Amino acid sequence: MDSSSSSFVAGLGSVDPQLQHFIEVETQKQRFQQLVHQMTELCWEKCMDKPGPKLDSRAEACFVNCVERFIDTSQFILNRLEQTQKSKPAFSESISD
């Protein structure tokens, strides 16, 4: 979360916890979309020397490698998020405390 988003969510302490959770999830989605956009731009700039009707073999291999690295990175991030979520108490448990 960037500082403006985290301060916004932190300021929602008195707001419905479900709404706060929804905002956090939507913020994560937004960050993921930004990451996809940045990765697409990076791969395009790195791999595309000269646009043409077909990709040459070097550009095609570069795009494949770039996409595979993106998938690896995405999987790593998802696994890390799952670990983080498992280490936090369940939503219903935190309400009953």
PDB file of N, CA and C in Angstrom:
ATOM      1  N   MET A   1       0.841  -1.167   0.000  1.00  0.00           N
ATOM      2  CA  MET A   1       0.000   0.000   0.000  1.00  0.00           C
ATOM      3  C   MET A   1       0.890   1.235   0.000  1.00  0.00           C
ATOM      4  N   ASP A   2       0.576   2.231  -0.796  1.00  0.00           N
ATOM      5  CA  ASP A   2       1.362   3.455  -0.728  1.00  0.00           C
ATOM      6  C   ASP A   2       0.953   4.238   0.502  1.00  0.00           C
ATOM      7  N   SER A   3       1.685   5.298   0.810  1.00  0.00           N
ATOM      8  CA  SER A   3       1.448   6.014   2.069  1.00  0.00           C
ATOM      9  C   SER A   3       0.071   6.656   2.123  1.00  0.00           C
ATOM     10  N   SER A   4      -0.431   7.158   0.988  1.00  0.00           N
ATOM     11  CA  SER A   4      -1.761   7.775   1.015  1.00  0.00           C
ATOM     12  C   SER A   4      -2.850   6.728   1.235  1.00  0.00           C
ATOM     13  N   SER A   5      -2.695   5.559   0.635  1.00  0.00           N
ATOM     14  CA  SER A   5      -3.682   4.492   0.821  1.00  0.00           C
ATOM     15  C   SER A   5      -3.642   3.961   2.242  1.00  0.00           C
ATOM     16  N   SER A   6      -2.427   3.757   2.760  1.00  0.00           N
ATOM     17  CA  SER A   6      -2.336   3.215   4.111  1.00  0.00           C
ATOM     18  C   SER A   6      -2.852   4.204   5.142  1.00  0.00           C
ATOM     19  N   SER A   7      -2.600   5.504   4.930  1.00  0.00           N
ATOM     20  CA  SER A   7      -3.128   6.485   5.881  1.00  0.00           C
ATOM     21  C   SER A   7      -4.646   6.578   5.763  1.00  0.00           C
ATOM     22  N   PHE A   8      -5.172   6.410   4.558  1.00  0.00           N
ATOM     23  CA  PHE A   8      -6.618   6.424   4.375  1.00  0.00           C
ATOM     24  C   PHE A   8      -7.247   5.245   5.101  1.00  0.00           C
ATOM     25  N   VAL A   9      -6.676   4.051   4.902  1.00  0.00           N
ATOM     26  CA  VAL A   9      -7.206   2.855   5.549  1.00  0.00           C
ATOM     27  C   VAL A   9      -7.035   2.963   7.060  1.00  0.00           C
ATOM     28  N   ALA A  10      -5.909   3.491   7.520  1.00  0.00           N
ATOM     29  CA  ALA A  10      -5.689   3.652   8.955  1.00  0.00           C
ATOM     30  C   ALA A  10      -6.713   4.611   9.549  1.00  0.00           C
ATOM     31  N   GLY A  11      -7.129   5.605   8.787  1.00  0.00           N
ATOM     32  CA  GLY A  11      -8.116   6.561   9.255  1.00  0.00           C
ATOM     33  C   GLY A  11      -9.513   5.978   9.312  1.00  0.00           C
ATOM     34  N   LEU A  12      -9.686   4.763   8.837  1.00  0.00           N
ATOM     35  CA  LEU A  12     -11.000   4.118   8.830  1.00  0.00           C
ATOM     36  C   LEU A  12     -11.209   3.240  10.056  1.00  0.00           C
ATOM     37  N   GLY A  13     -10.421   3.448  11.094  1.00  0.00           N
ATOM     38  CA  GLY A  13     -10.503   2.612  12.285  1.00  0.00           C
ATOM     39  C   GLY A  13     -11.895   2.500  12.856  1.00  0.00           C
ATOM     40  N   SER A  14     -12.699   3.548  12.752  1.00  0.00           N
ATOM     41  CA  SER A  14     -14.043   3.516  13.317  1.00  0.00           C
ATOM     42  C   SER A  14     -15.082   3.066  12.290  1.00  0.00           C
ATOM     43  N   VAL A  15     -14.646   2.755  11.069  1.00  0.00           N
ATOM     44  CA  VAL A  15     -15.554   2.334  10.007  1.00  0.00           C
ATOM     45  C   VAL A  15     -15.726   0.817  10.069  1.00  0.00           C
ATOM     46  N   ASP A  16     -16.792   0.342   9.489  1.00  0.00           N
ATOM     47  CA  ASP A  16     -17.097  -1.077   9.415  1.00  0.00           C
ATOM     48  C   ASP A  16     -15.863  -1.880   8.972  1.00  0.00           C
ATOM     49  N   PRO A  17     -15.470  -2.904   9.731  1.00  0.00           N
ATOM     50  CA  PRO A  17     -14.285  -3.704   9.371  1.00  0.00           C
ATOM     51  C   PRO A  17     -14.402  -4.361   7.994  1.00  0.00           C
ATOM     52  N   GLN A  18     -15.617  -4.716   7.599  1.00  0.00           N
ATOM     53  CA  GLN A  18     -15.798  -5.312   6.273  1.00  0.00           C
ATOM     54  C   GLN A  18     -15.478  -4.298   5.179  1.00  0.00           C
ATOM     55  N   LEU A  19     -15.889  -3.056   5.371  1.00  0.00           N
ATOM     56  CA  LEU A  19     -15.583  -1.998   4.416  1.00  0.00           C
ATOM     57  C   LEU A  19     -14.078  -1.769   4.361  1.00  0.00           C
ATOM     58  N   GLN A  20     -13.444  -1.766   5.512  1.00  0.00           N
ATOM     59  CA  GLN A  20     -12.001  -1.576   5.568  1.00  0.00           C
ATOM     60  C   GLN A  20     -11.288  -2.712   4.828  1.00  0.00           C
ATOM     61  N   HIS A  21     -11.734  -3.940   5.035  1.00  0.00           N
ATOM     62  CA  HIS A  21     -11.156  -5.095   4.336  1.00  0.00           C
ATOM     63  C   HIS A  21     -11.369  -4.965   2.826  1.00  0.00           C
ATOM     64  N   PHE A  22     -12.555  -4.567   2.421  1.00  0.00           N
ATOM     65  CA  PHE A  22     -12.864  -4.382   1.002  1.00  0.00           C
ATOM     66  C   PHE A  22     -11.907  -3.370   0.375  1.00  0.00           C
ATOM     67  N   ILE A  23     -11.670  -2.259   1.067  1.00  0.00           N
ATOM     68  CA  ILE A  23     -10.769  -1.217   0.555  1.00  0.00           C
ATOM     69  C   ILE A  23      -9.348  -1.759   0.434  1.00  0.00           C
ATOM     70  N   GLU A  24      -8.918  -2.533   1.409  1.00  0.00           N
ATOM     71  CA  GLU A  24      -7.581  -3.117   1.347  1.00  0.00           C
ATOM     72  C   GLU A  24      -7.446  -4.063   0.160  1.00  0.00           C
ATOM     73  N   VAL A  25      -8.462  -4.893  -0.070  1.00  0.00           N
ATOM     74  CA  VAL A  25      -8.438  -5.832  -1.189  1.00  0.00           C
ATOM     75  C   VAL A  25      -8.412  -5.072  -2.516  1.00  0.00           C
ATOM     76  N   GLU A  26      -9.238  -4.042  -2.631  1.00  0.00           N
ATOM     77  CA  GLU A  26      -9.269  -3.259  -3.865  1.00  0.00           C
ATOM     78  C   GLU A  26      -7.946  -2.535  -4.104  1.00  0.00           C
ATOM     79  N   THR A  27      -7.317  -2.090  -3.041  1.00  0.00           N
ATOM     80  CA  THR A  27      -6.012  -1.446  -3.161  1.00  0.00           C
ATOM     81  C   THR A  27      -4.976  -2.448  -3.652  1.00  0.00           C
ATOM     82  N   GLN A  28      -5.035  -3.671  -3.150  1.00  0.00           N
ATOM     83  CA  GLN A  28      -4.122  -4.720  -3.624  1.00  0.00           C
ATOM     84  C   GLN A  28      -4.359  -5.007  -5.103  1.00  0.00           C
ATOM     85  N   LYS A  29      -5.609  -5.052  -5.515  1.00  0.00           N
ATOM     86  CA  LYS A  29      -5.921  -5.273  -6.936  1.00  0.00           C
ATOM     87  C   LYS A  29      -5.345  -4.150  -7.790  1.00  0.00           C
ATOM     88  N   GLN A  30      -5.492  -2.922  -7.312  1.00  0.00           N
ATOM     89  CA  GLN A  30      -4.971  -1.775  -8.055  1.00  0.00           C
ATOM     90  C   GLN A  30      -3.451  -1.872  -8.186  1.00  0.00           C
ATOM     91  N   ARG A  31      -2.773  -2.231  -7.112  1.00  0.00           N
ATOM     92  CA  ARG A  31      -1.316  -2.369  -7.169  1.00  0.00           C
ATOM     93  C   ARG A  31      -0.909  -3.469  -8.134  1.00  0.00           C
ATOM     94  N   PHE A  32      -1.669  -4.571  -8.158  1.00  0.00           N
ATOM     95  CA  PHE A  32      -1.361  -5.658  -9.086  1.00  0.00           C
ATOM     96  C   PHE A  32      -1.528  -5.185 -10.532  1.00  0.00           C
ATOM     97  N   GLN A  33      -2.592  -4.448 -10.808  1.00  0.00           N
ATOM     98  CA  GLN A  33      -2.802  -3.926 -12.158  1.00  0.00           C
ATOM     99  C   GLN A  33      -1.673  -2.979 -12.567  1.00  0.00           C
ATOM    100  N   GLN A  34      -1.207  -2.172 -11.634  1.00  0.00           N
ATOM    101  CA  GLN A  34      -0.075  -1.284 -11.922  1.00  0.00           C
ATOM    102  C   GLN A  34       1.172  -2.097 -12.224  1.00  0.00           C
ATOM    103  N   LEU A  35       1.367  -3.181 -11.485  1.00  0.00           N
ATOM    104  CA  LEU A  35       2.509  -4.049 -11.720  1.00  0.00           C
ATOM    105  C   LEU A  35       2.443  -4.672 -13.112  1.00  0.00           C
ATOM    106  N   VAL A  36       1.276  -5.153 -13.503  1.00  0.00           N
ATOM    107  CA  VAL A  36       1.107  -5.731 -14.842  1.00  0.00           C
ATOM    108  C   VAL A  36       1.434  -4.690 -15.905  1.00  0.00           C
ATOM    109  N   HIS A  37       0.935  -3.477 -15.722  1.00  0.00           N
ATOM    110  CA  HIS A  37       1.194  -2.404 -16.686  1.00  0.00           C
ATOM    111  C   HIS A  37       2.694  -2.103 -16.768  1.00  0.00           C
ATOM    112  N   GLN A  38       3.346  -1.991 -15.620  1.00  0.00           N
ATOM    113  CA  GLN A  38       4.777  -1.709 -15.605  1.00  0.00           C
ATOM    114  C   GLN A  38       5.570  -2.841 -16.248  1.00  0.00           C
ATOM    115  N   MET A  39       5.173  -4.085 -15.975  1.00  0.00           N
ATOM    116  CA  MET A  39       5.886  -5.226 -16.544  1.00  0.00           C
ATOM    117  C   MET A  39       5.703  -5.271 -18.054  1.00  0.00           C
ATOM    118  N   THR A  40       4.510  -5.004 -18.516  1.00  0.00           N
ATOM    119  CA  THR A  40       4.255  -4.977 -19.959  1.00  0.00           C
ATOM    120  C   THR A  40       5.117  -3.916 -20.627  1.00  0.00           C
ATOM    121  N   GLU A  41       5.151  -2.743 -20.022  1.00  0.00           N
ATOM    122  CA  GLU A  41       5.958  -1.653 -20.575  1.00  0.00           C
ATOM    123  C   GLU A  41       7.442  -2.023 -20.577  1.00  0.00           C
ATOM    124  N   LEU A  42       7.918  -2.599 -19.488  1.00  0.00           N
ATOM    125  CA  LEU A  42       9.318  -2.989 -19.384  1.00  0.00           C
ATOM    126  C   LEU A  42       9.678  -4.032 -20.442  1.00  0.00           C
ATOM    127  N   CYS A  43       8.859  -5.079 -20.555  1.00  0.00           N
ATOM    128  CA  CYS A  43       9.135  -6.126 -21.540  1.00  0.00           C
ATOM    129  C   CYS A  43       9.103  -5.562 -22.954  1.00  0.00           C
ATOM    130  N   TRP A  44       8.145  -4.698 -23.229  1.00  0.00           N
ATOM    131  CA  TRP A  44       8.024  -4.123 -24.570  1.00  0.00           C
ATOM    132  C   TRP A  44       9.266  -3.310 -24.917  1.00  0.00           C
ATOM    133  N   GLU A  45       9.689  -2.450 -23.977  1.00  0.00           N
ATOM    134  CA  GLU A  45      10.864  -1.614 -24.230  1.00  0.00           C
ATOM    135  C   GLU A  45      12.130  -2.458 -24.356  1.00  0.00           C
ATOM    136  N   LYS A  46      12.232  -3.511 -23.545  1.00  0.00           N
ATOM    137  CA  LYS A  46      13.424  -4.347 -23.550  1.00  0.00           C
ATOM    138  C   LYS A  46      13.507  -5.223 -24.796  1.00  0.00           C
ATOM    139  N   CYS A  47      12.377  -5.746 -25.230  1.00  0.00           N
ATOM    140  CA  CYS A  47      12.384  -6.785 -26.267  1.00  0.00           C
ATOM    141  C   CYS A  47      12.086  -6.279 -27.675  1.00  0.00           C
ATOM    142  N   MET A  48      11.457  -5.125 -27.812  1.00  0.00           N
ATOM    143  CA  MET A  48      11.029  -4.656 -29.123  1.00  0.00           C
ATOM    144  C   MET A  48      11.980  -3.588 -29.648  1.00  0.00           C
ATOM    145  N   ASP A  49      12.876  -3.973 -30.538  1.00  0.00           N
ATOM    146  CA  ASP A  49      13.786  -3.000 -31.141  1.00  0.00           C
ATOM    147  C   ASP A  49      13.090  -2.199 -32.238  1.00  0.00           C
ATOM    148  N   LYS A  50      12.501  -2.940 -33.146  1.00  0.00           N
ATOM    149  CA  LYS A  50      11.828  -2.290 -34.276  1.00  0.00           C
ATOM    150  C   LYS A  50      10.526  -3.029 -34.562  1.00  0.00           C
ATOM    151  N   PRO A  51       9.409  -2.336 -34.447  1.00  0.00           N
ATOM    152  CA  PRO A  51       8.118  -2.978 -34.737  1.00  0.00           C
ATOM    153  C   PRO A  51       8.051  -3.413 -36.196  1.00  0.00           C
ATOM    154  N   GLY A  52       7.418  -4.519 -36.403  1.00  0.00           N
ATOM    155  CA  GLY A  52       7.249  -5.039 -37.753  1.00  0.00           C
ATOM    156  C   GLY A  52       6.057  -5.966 -37.791  1.00  0.00           C
ATOM    157  N   PRO A  53       5.796  -6.559 -38.950  1.00  0.00           N
ATOM    158  CA  PRO A  53       4.630  -7.438 -39.071  1.00  0.00           C
ATOM    159  C   PRO A  53       4.795  -8.750 -38.306  1.00  0.00           C
ATOM    160  N   LYS A  54       6.057  -9.147 -38.002  1.00  0.00           N
ATOM    161  CA  LYS A  54       6.311 -10.391 -37.272  1.00  0.00           C
ATOM    162  C   LYS A  54       7.402 -10.150 -36.242  1.00  0.00           C
ATOM    163  N   LEU A  55       7.352 -10.944 -35.177  1.00  0.00           N
ATOM    164  CA  LEU A  55       8.430 -10.899 -34.194  1.00  0.00           C
ATOM    165  C   LEU A  55       9.599 -11.740 -34.696  1.00  0.00           C
ATOM    166  N   ASP A  56      10.808 -11.213 -34.576  1.00  0.00           N
ATOM    167  CA  ASP A  56      11.954 -12.060 -34.906  1.00  0.00           C
ATOM    168  C   ASP A  56      12.184 -13.022 -33.746  1.00  0.00           C
ATOM    169  N   SER A  57      13.037 -14.000 -33.953  1.00  0.00           N
ATOM    170  CA  SER A  57      13.229 -15.048 -32.938  1.00  0.00           C
ATOM    171  C   SER A  57      13.816 -14.480 -31.644  1.00  0.00           C
ATOM    172  N   ARG A  58      14.690 -13.475 -31.748  1.00  0.00           N
ATOM    173  CA  ARG A  58      15.273 -12.874 -30.554  1.00  0.00           C
ATOM    174  C   ARG A  58      14.207 -12.175 -29.722  1.00  0.00           C
ATOM    175  N   ALA A  59      13.351 -11.389 -30.370  1.00  0.00           N
ATOM    176  CA  ALA A  59      12.283 -10.679 -29.657  1.00  0.00           C
ATOM    177  C   ALA A  59      11.289 -11.667 -29.048  1.00  0.00           C
ATOM    178  N   GLU A  60      10.964 -12.704 -29.794  1.00  0.00           N
ATOM    179  CA  GLU A  60      10.028 -13.703 -29.271  1.00  0.00           C
ATOM    180  C   GLU A  60      10.601 -14.395 -28.038  1.00  0.00           C
ATOM    181  N   ALA A  61      11.864 -14.782 -28.086  1.00  0.00           N
ATOM    182  CA  ALA A  61      12.506 -15.427 -26.929  1.00  0.00           C
ATOM    183  C   ALA A  61      12.566 -14.457 -25.746  1.00  0.00           C
ATOM    184  N   CYS A  62      12.837 -13.189 -26.027  1.00  0.00           N
ATOM    185  CA  CYS A  62      12.899 -12.183 -24.977  1.00  0.00           C
ATOM    186  C   CYS A  62      11.539 -12.025 -24.295  1.00  0.00           C
ATOM    187  N   PHE A  63      10.453 -11.953 -25.095  1.00  0.00           N
ATOM    188  CA  PHE A  63       9.107 -11.828 -24.532  1.00  0.00           C
ATOM    189  C   PHE A  63       8.751 -13.055 -23.694  1.00  0.00           C
ATOM    190  N   VAL A  64       9.086 -14.237 -24.203  1.00  0.00           N
ATOM    191  CA  VAL A  64       8.785 -15.467 -23.463  1.00  0.00           C
ATOM    192  C   VAL A  64       9.512 -15.450 -22.120  1.00  0.00           C
ATOM    193  N   ASN A  65      10.789 -15.094 -22.133  1.00  0.00           N
ATOM    194  CA  ASN A  65      11.564 -15.031 -20.896  1.00  0.00           C
ATOM    195  C   ASN A  65      10.985 -13.989 -19.946  1.00  0.00           C
ATOM    196  N   CYS A  66      10.634 -12.839 -20.475  1.00  0.00           N
ATOM    197  CA  CYS A  66      10.084 -11.767 -19.648  1.00  0.00           C
ATOM    198  C   CYS A  66       8.769 -12.205 -18.998  1.00  0.00           C
ATOM    199  N   VAL A  67       7.905 -12.831 -19.766  1.00  0.00           N
ATOM    200  CA  VAL A  67       6.618 -13.291 -19.242  1.00  0.00           C
ATOM    201  C   VAL A  67       6.831 -14.389 -18.196  1.00  0.00           C
ATOM    202  N   GLU A  68       7.767 -15.302 -18.465  1.00  0.00           N
ATOM    203  CA  GLU A  68       8.037 -16.356 -17.486  1.00  0.00           C
ATOM    204  C   GLU A  68       8.551 -15.773 -16.174  1.00  0.00           C
ATOM    205  N   ARG A  69       9.409 -14.770 -16.239  1.00  0.00           N
ATOM    206  CA  ARG A  69       9.902 -14.117 -15.019  1.00  0.00           C
ATOM    207  C   ARG A  69       8.757 -13.419 -14.302  1.00  0.00           C
ATOM    208  N   PHE A  70       7.843 -12.818 -15.072  1.00  0.00           N
ATOM    209  CA  PHE A  70       6.687 -12.168 -14.469  1.00  0.00           C
ATOM    210  C   PHE A  70       5.815 -13.191 -13.746  1.00  0.00           C
ATOM    211  N   ILE A  71       5.586 -14.336 -14.366  1.00  0.00           N
ATOM    212  CA  ILE A  71       4.780 -15.385 -13.743  1.00  0.00           C
ATOM    213  C   ILE A  71       5.461 -15.889 -12.472  1.00  0.00           C
ATOM    214  N   ASP A  72       6.773 -16.107 -12.546  1.00  0.00           N
ATOM    215  CA  ASP A  72       7.516 -16.546 -11.357  1.00  0.00           C
ATOM    216  C   ASP A  72       7.374 -15.532 -10.224  1.00  0.00           C
ATOM    217  N   THR A  73       7.531 -14.270 -10.564  1.00  0.00           N
ATOM    218  CA  THR A  73       7.429 -13.212  -9.563  1.00  0.00           C
ATOM    219  C   THR A  73       6.025 -13.132  -8.986  1.00  0.00           C
ATOM    220  N   SER A  74       5.024 -13.225  -9.845  1.00  0.00           N
ATOM    221  CA  SER A  74       3.633 -13.187  -9.386  1.00  0.00           C
ATOM    222  C   SER A  74       3.339 -14.345  -8.442  1.00  0.00           C
ATOM    223  N   GLN A  75       3.827 -15.525  -8.796  1.00  0.00           N
ATOM    224  CA  GLN A  75       3.607 -16.699  -7.943  1.00  0.00           C
ATOM    225  C   GLN A  75       4.278 -16.511  -6.590  1.00  0.00           C
ATOM    226  N   PHE A  76       5.484 -15.958  -6.597  1.00  0.00           N
ATOM    227  CA  PHE A  76       6.191 -15.688  -5.348  1.00  0.00           C
ATOM    228  C   PHE A  76       5.389 -14.720  -4.477  1.00  0.00           C
ATOM    229  N   ILE A  77       4.875 -13.649  -5.090  1.00  0.00           N
ATOM    230  CA  ILE A  77       4.103 -12.646  -4.349  1.00  0.00           C
ATOM    231  C   ILE A  77       2.832 -13.273  -3.782  1.00  0.00           C
ATOM    232  N   LEU A  78       2.133 -14.064  -4.590  1.00  0.00           N
ATOM    233  CA  LEU A  78       0.912 -14.707  -4.106  1.00  0.00           C
ATOM    234  C   LEU A  78       1.202 -15.644  -2.938  1.00  0.00           C
ATOM    235  N   ASN A  79       2.274 -16.416  -3.055  1.00  0.00           N
ATOM    236  CA  ASN A  79       2.643 -17.314  -1.953  1.00  0.00           C
ATOM    237  C   ASN A  79       2.957 -16.523  -0.691  1.00  0.00           C
ATOM    238  N   ARG A  80       3.655 -15.415  -0.840  1.00  0.00           N
ATOM    239  CA  ARG A  80       3.997 -14.579   0.313  1.00  0.00           C
ATOM    240  C   ARG A  80       2.731 -13.994   0.948  1.00  0.00           C
ATOM    241  N   LEU A  81       1.789 -13.546   0.110  1.00  0.00           N
ATOM    242  CA  LEU A  81       0.531 -13.014   0.636  1.00  0.00           C
ATOM    243  C   LEU A  81      -0.255 -14.092   1.379  1.00  0.00           C
ATOM    244  N   GLU A  82      -0.262 -15.311   0.834  1.00  0.00           N
ATOM    245  CA  GLU A  82      -0.950 -16.411   1.509  1.00  0.00           C
ATOM    246  C   GLU A  82      -0.314 -16.693   2.864  1.00  0.00           C
ATOM    247  N   GLN A  83       1.015 -16.693   2.926  1.00  0.00           N
ATOM    248  CA  GLN A  83       1.705 -16.916   4.197  1.00  0.00           C
ATOM    249  C   GLN A  83       1.354 -15.825   5.198  1.00  0.00           C
ATOM    250  N   THR A  84       1.299 -14.586   4.720  1.00  0.00           N
ATOM    251  CA  THR A  84       0.962 -13.463   5.590  1.00  0.00           C
ATOM    252  C   THR A  84      -0.454 -13.603   6.114  1.00  0.00           C
ATOM    253  N   GLN A  85      -1.391 -13.971   5.233  1.00  0.00           N
ATOM    254  CA  GLN A  85      -2.784 -14.127   5.646  1.00  0.00           C
ATOM    255  C   GLN A  85      -2.939 -15.269   6.650  1.00  0.00           C
ATOM    256  N   LYS A  86      -2.188 -16.343   6.474  1.00  0.00           N
ATOM    257  CA  LYS A  86      -2.274 -17.476   7.399  1.00  0.00           C
ATOM    258  C   LYS A  86      -1.730 -17.123   8.769  1.00  0.00           C
ATOM    259  N   SER A  87      -0.762 -16.217   8.809  1.00  0.00           N
ATOM    260  CA  SER A  87      -0.170 -15.851  10.090  1.00  0.00           C
ATOM    261  C   SER A  87      -1.025 -14.862  10.870  1.00  0.00           C
ATOM    262  N   LYS A  88      -1.980 -14.189  10.192  1.00  0.00           N
ATOM    263  CA  LYS A  88      -2.887 -13.258  10.871  1.00  0.00           C
ATOM    264  C   LYS A  88      -4.075 -14.039  11.410  1.00  0.00           C
ATOM    265  N   PRO A  89      -4.682 -13.585  12.511  1.00  0.00           N
ATOM    266  CA  PRO A  89      -5.888 -14.262  13.000  1.00  0.00           C
ATOM    267  C   PRO A  89      -7.025 -14.084  11.988  1.00  0.00           C
ATOM    268  N   ALA A  90      -7.900 -15.053  11.954  1.00  0.00           N
ATOM    269  CA  ALA A  90      -9.043 -14.984  11.050  1.00  0.00           C
ATOM    270  C   ALA A  90      -9.901 -13.773  11.379  1.00  0.00           C
ATOM    271  N   PHE A  91     -10.580 -13.258  10.387  1.00  0.00           N
ATOM    272  CA  PHE A  91     -11.419 -12.049  10.551  1.00  0.00           C
ATOM    273  C   PHE A  91     -12.448 -12.234  11.665  1.00  0.00           C
ATOM    274  N   SER A  92     -13.123 -13.391  11.690  1.00  0.00           N
ATOM    275  CA  SER A  92     -14.156 -13.619  12.695  1.00  0.00           C
ATOM    276  C   SER A  92     -13.549 -13.749  14.099  1.00  0.00           C
ATOM    277  N   GLU A  93     -12.314 -14.283  14.175  1.00  0.00           N
ATOM    278  CA  GLU A  93     -11.670 -14.407  15.488  1.00  0.00           C
ATOM    279  C   GLU A  93     -11.327 -13.035  16.061  1.00  0.00           C
ATOM    280  N   SER A  94     -10.923 -12.104  15.197  1.00  0.00           N
ATOM    281  CA  SER A  94     -10.526 -10.783  15.685  1.00  0.00           C
ATOM    282  C   SER A  94     -11.732  -9.987  16.139  1.00  0.00           C
ATOM    283  N   ILE A  95     -12.914 -10.259  15.580  1.00  0.00           N
ATOM    284  CA  ILE A  95     -14.131  -9.551  15.994  1.00  0.00           C
ATOM    285  C   ILE A  95     -14.584 -10.042  17.374  1.00  0.00           C
ATOM    286  N   SER A  96     -14.442 -11.335  17.632  1.00  0.00           N
ATOM    287  CA  SER A  96     -14.932 -11.888  18.891  1.00  0.00           C
ATOM    288  C   SER A  96     -14.049 -11.518  20.073  1.00  0.00           C
ATOM    289  N   ASP A  97     -12.820 -11.066  19.844  1.00  0.00           N
ATOM    290  CA  ASP A  97     -11.914 -10.677  20.941  1.00  0.00           C
ATOM    291  C   ASP A  97     -12.308  -9.410  21.620  1.00  0.00           C
TER     292      ASP A  97
END
